[in-house]
Amino acid sequence: MSEQAPPPEPNLIEIRVGKLAQLFHDLDPYPFREKDLDKDAEEFIVSWARELPRDRPFTIVVHMPEEQLALPEAQDVRPAIEQFFAYRAQVMTLELKELFRIGRRSLAIGFTVLFLSVLASQTVAPKIKPPPLGKVIEESLLIFAWVANWRPIEIFLYDWWPIVRRRDLYRRLGEAEVELRPYRPGDERRQVLPKE
């Protein structure tokens, strides 16, 4: 009987704050559980997550003073972080759909320009006198046709990769375990967000 391999160790993302409010955007009017993460907190978590292996789940550990952990709002940190990153993943999915919609529209325009340019280069350009001028116009029409298709080609070959990577990263962060741990003054090993 073979033993099952233990689950992989999670990727730890550790952040230390002096106050609970440092995690969330001050101007957000929504209740605590639905608040947006502070931009600095989001950037810190995302940049750390990018550096970690992709084949292991994330655990986000928030270190804060014990008196902050005792606040009732501290219980909402876990679902707030999960909801924030799940929402950001949904936003990235919508951005990807919008990019592909623009790509399809650009492709339709590009193929129309390509068809008309090839047609003009094969029918009109050879009839232009002198022949070298006709050849220049024919080549110019073909170059214009490919330039018109540059954007859709760029979208479908390259532009969608970063959006998918970011969306997948946000999804993984939205599924991360979130732990709250106390820290004692003088414990400088943990990353600190800028003070308000």
Protein backbone atom coordinates (compact mmCIF):
# COMPACT_ATOMS: atom_id res chain seq x y z
CA MET A 1 0.00 0.00 0.00
CA SER A 2 1.51 3.30 -1.10
CA GLU A 3 1.47 6.35 1.09
CA GLN A 4 -0.12 9.50 -0.20
CA ALA A 5 2.20 12.44 -0.59
CA PRO A 6 1.56 15.18 1.96
CA PRO A 7 -0.15 18.29 0.58
CA PRO A 8 2.31 20.92 -0.62
CA GLU A 9 3.40 23.58 1.84
CA PRO A 10 1.50 26.79 1.20
CA ASN A 11 3.10 29.91 -0.15
CA LEU A 12 3.23 32.30 2.81
CA ILE A 13 2.54 35.98 2.29
CA GLU A 14 3.11 37.86 5.53
CA ILE A 15 2.12 41.42 6.21
CA ARG A 16 2.29 43.44 9.42
CA VAL A 17 0.08 46.40 10.20
CA GLY A 18 -0.08 48.63 13.25
CA LYS A 19 -3.82 49.22 12.87
CA LEU A 20 -6.57 47.23 11.24
CA ALA A 21 -7.60 50.29 9.23
CA GLN A 22 -4.26 50.21 7.36
CA LEU A 23 -5.51 47.21 5.38
CA PHE A 24 -8.52 48.99 3.89
CA HIS A 25 -9.20 52.02 1.74
CA ASP A 26 -10.27 54.97 3.92
CA LEU A 27 -12.69 56.52 1.45
CA ASP A 28 -14.63 53.32 0.76
CA PRO A 29 -18.16 53.82 2.17
CA TYR A 30 -19.10 50.15 2.30
CA PRO A 31 -19.28 48.08 5.48
CA PHE A 32 -15.99 46.68 6.71
CA ARG A 33 -16.45 43.22 5.16
CA GLU A 34 -17.00 44.70 1.69
CA LYS A 35 -14.28 47.34 1.78
CA ASP A 36 -11.57 47.58 -0.83
CA LEU A 37 -8.06 46.77 0.28
CA ASP A 38 -5.75 49.73 0.62
CA LYS A 39 -3.69 50.20 -2.55
CA ASP A 40 -0.42 49.67 -0.66
CA ALA A 41 -1.72 46.46 0.94
CA GLU A 42 -2.97 45.14 -2.40
CA GLU A 43 0.28 45.95 -4.20
CA PHE A 44 2.33 44.39 -1.43
CA ILE A 45 0.32 41.14 -1.41
CA VAL A 46 0.18 40.89 -5.22
CA SER A 47 3.89 41.63 -5.70
CA TRP A 48 4.84 39.04 -3.08
CA ALA A 49 2.45 36.49 -4.62
CA ARG A 50 4.02 36.96 -8.06
CA GLU A 51 7.39 35.87 -6.69
CA LEU A 52 6.08 32.61 -5.20
CA PRO A 53 5.71 29.24 -6.97
CA ARG A 54 2.48 28.77 -8.91
CA ASP A 55 1.94 25.14 -7.95
CA ARG A 56 1.15 25.77 -4.27
CA PRO A 57 -1.77 27.51 -2.55
CA PHE A 58 -1.37 30.82 -0.79
CA THR A 59 -1.71 31.60 2.89
CA ILE A 60 -1.92 35.29 3.76
CA VAL A 61 -0.80 35.95 7.33
CA VAL A 62 -1.71 39.35 8.74
CA HIS A 63 0.29 40.28 11.85
CA MET A 64 -1.22 43.01 14.02
CA PRO A 65 -1.16 44.11 17.65
CA GLU A 66 -3.26 42.04 20.03
CA GLU A 67 -5.58 44.95 20.82
CA GLN A 68 -6.39 45.22 17.11
CA LEU A 69 -7.09 41.48 16.94
CA ALA A 70 -9.58 41.91 19.76
CA LEU A 71 -11.71 44.36 17.76
CA PRO A 72 -14.96 42.93 16.34
CA GLU A 73 -13.92 44.10 12.86
CA ALA A 74 -10.92 41.76 12.96
CA GLN A 75 -13.28 38.84 12.31
CA ASP A 76 -14.21 40.45 8.99
CA VAL A 77 -10.64 40.65 7.68
CA ARG A 78 -10.60 37.10 6.32
CA PRO A 79 -13.81 37.35 4.26
CA ALA A 80 -12.96 40.92 3.20
CA ILE A 81 -9.61 39.84 1.71
CA GLU A 82 -11.17 36.79 0.05
CA GLN A 83 -14.03 38.85 -1.43
CA PHE A 84 -11.70 41.60 -2.59
CA PHE A 85 -9.45 39.27 -4.59
CA ALA A 86 -12.39 37.24 -5.92
CA TYR A 87 -13.95 40.50 -7.12
CA ARG A 88 -10.67 41.61 -8.73
CA ALA A 89 -10.54 38.25 -10.57
CA GLN A 90 -14.06 38.91 -11.90
CA VAL A 91 -13.00 42.37 -13.04
CA MET A 92 -10.02 40.87 -14.89
CA THR A 93 -12.36 38.33 -16.55
CA LEU A 94 -14.53 41.21 -17.77
CA GLU A 95 -11.41 43.03 -19.04
CA LEU A 96 -10.40 39.91 -20.95
CA LYS A 97 -13.87 39.61 -22.51
CA GLU A 98 -13.74 43.29 -23.48
CA LEU A 99 -10.28 42.85 -25.01
CA PHE A 100 -11.48 39.89 -27.10
CA ARG A 101 -14.58 41.86 -28.15
CA ILE A 102 -12.34 44.70 -29.32
CA GLY A 103 -10.08 42.11 -30.98
CA ARG A 104 -12.98 40.55 -32.91
CA ARG A 105 -14.18 43.97 -34.05
CA SER A 106 -10.64 44.97 -35.06
CA LEU A 107 -10.22 41.66 -36.88
CA ALA A 108 -13.41 42.23 -38.88
CA ILE A 109 -12.20 45.70 -39.86
CA GLY A 110 -8.70 44.41 -40.57
CA PHE A 111 -9.91 41.56 -42.82
CA THR A 112 -12.19 43.97 -44.69
CA VAL A 113 -9.26 46.34 -45.28
CA LEU A 114 -7.06 43.38 -46.26
CA PHE A 115 -9.63 42.09 -48.75
CA LEU A 116 -10.20 45.53 -50.32
CA SER A 117 -6.47 46.31 -50.43
CA VAL A 118 -5.60 43.00 -52.10
CA LEU A 119 -8.46 43.47 -54.54
CA ALA A 120 -7.31 47.03 -55.37
CA SER A 121 -3.67 45.99 -55.63
CA GLN A 122 -4.55 43.21 -58.10
CA THR A 123 -7.07 45.09 -60.23
CA VAL A 124 -6.36 48.83 -60.09
CA ALA A 125 -2.61 49.11 -59.46
CA PRO A 126 -1.51 47.12 -62.58
CA LYS A 127 -3.46 49.55 -64.80
CA ILE A 128 -1.61 52.62 -63.51
CA LYS A 129 0.98 54.06 -65.86
CA PRO A 130 3.96 54.15 -65.63
CA PRO A 131 4.31 50.55 -64.36
CA PRO A 132 6.84 51.36 -61.58
CA LEU A 133 4.28 53.74 -60.03
CA GLY A 134 1.65 51.00 -60.23
CA LYS A 135 4.04 48.60 -58.48
CA VAL A 136 4.66 51.14 -55.68
CA ILE A 137 0.90 51.61 -55.19
CA GLU A 138 0.35 47.83 -55.21
CA GLU A 139 3.01 47.30 -52.53
CA SER A 140 1.73 50.26 -50.52
CA LEU A 141 -1.80 48.81 -50.49
CA LEU A 142 -0.49 45.46 -49.22
CA ILE A 143 1.56 47.15 -46.48
CA PHE A 144 -1.51 49.20 -45.47
CA ALA A 145 -3.58 45.99 -45.32
CA TRP A 146 -1.14 44.31 -42.93
CA VAL A 147 -0.82 47.45 -40.81
CA ALA A 148 -4.64 47.45 -40.48
CA ASN A 149 -4.38 43.91 -39.07
CA TRP A 150 -1.57 44.70 -36.64
CA ARG A 151 -3.85 45.47 -33.66
CA PRO A 152 -6.04 42.33 -33.86
CA ILE A 153 -2.94 40.19 -34.34
CA GLU A 154 -1.35 41.85 -31.31
CA ILE A 155 -4.50 41.29 -29.21
CA PHE A 156 -4.92 37.62 -30.10
CA LEU A 157 -1.23 36.74 -29.90
CA TYR A 158 0.09 38.80 -26.98
CA ASP A 159 -2.20 41.23 -25.14
CA TRP A 160 -4.37 38.65 -23.40
CA TRP A 161 -1.54 36.78 -21.59
CA PRO A 162 -0.86 39.38 -18.87
CA ILE A 163 -4.58 39.73 -18.15
CA VAL A 164 -5.03 35.96 -17.79
CA ARG A 165 -1.96 35.71 -15.54
CA ARG A 166 -3.23 38.52 -13.31
CA ARG A 167 -6.75 37.06 -13.23
CA ASP A 168 -5.38 33.65 -12.24
CA LEU A 169 -3.23 35.25 -9.56
CA TYR A 170 -6.24 37.10 -8.14
CA ARG A 171 -8.27 33.88 -8.19
CA ARG A 172 -5.57 32.09 -6.25
CA LEU A 173 -5.37 34.98 -3.77
CA GLY A 174 -9.17 34.90 -3.43
CA GLU A 175 -8.92 31.22 -2.47
CA ALA A 176 -6.05 31.80 -0.05
CA GLU A 177 -6.25 30.96 3.62
CA VAL A 178 -6.13 34.16 5.67
CA GLU A 179 -4.70 34.00 9.18
CA LEU A 180 -4.55 36.76 11.74
CA ARG A 181 -1.67 36.58 14.20
CA PRO A 182 -0.60 38.89 16.99
CA TYR A 183 2.81 40.47 17.03
CA ARG A 184 4.66 42.01 19.85
CA PRO A 185 6.34 45.41 19.72
CA GLY A 186 9.93 44.98 18.64
CA ASP A 187 9.17 42.10 16.25
CA GLU A 188 10.65 43.74 13.16
CA ARG A 189 10.85 40.62 11.03
CA ARG A 190 7.48 41.23 9.40
CA GLN A 191 6.77 43.62 6.55
CA VAL A 192 5.13 46.86 7.60
CA LEU A 193 2.69 48.92 5.59
CA PRO A 194 3.34 52.66 5.68
CA LYS A 195 1.72 54.35 8.65
CA GLU A 196 -1.22 56.62 8.06
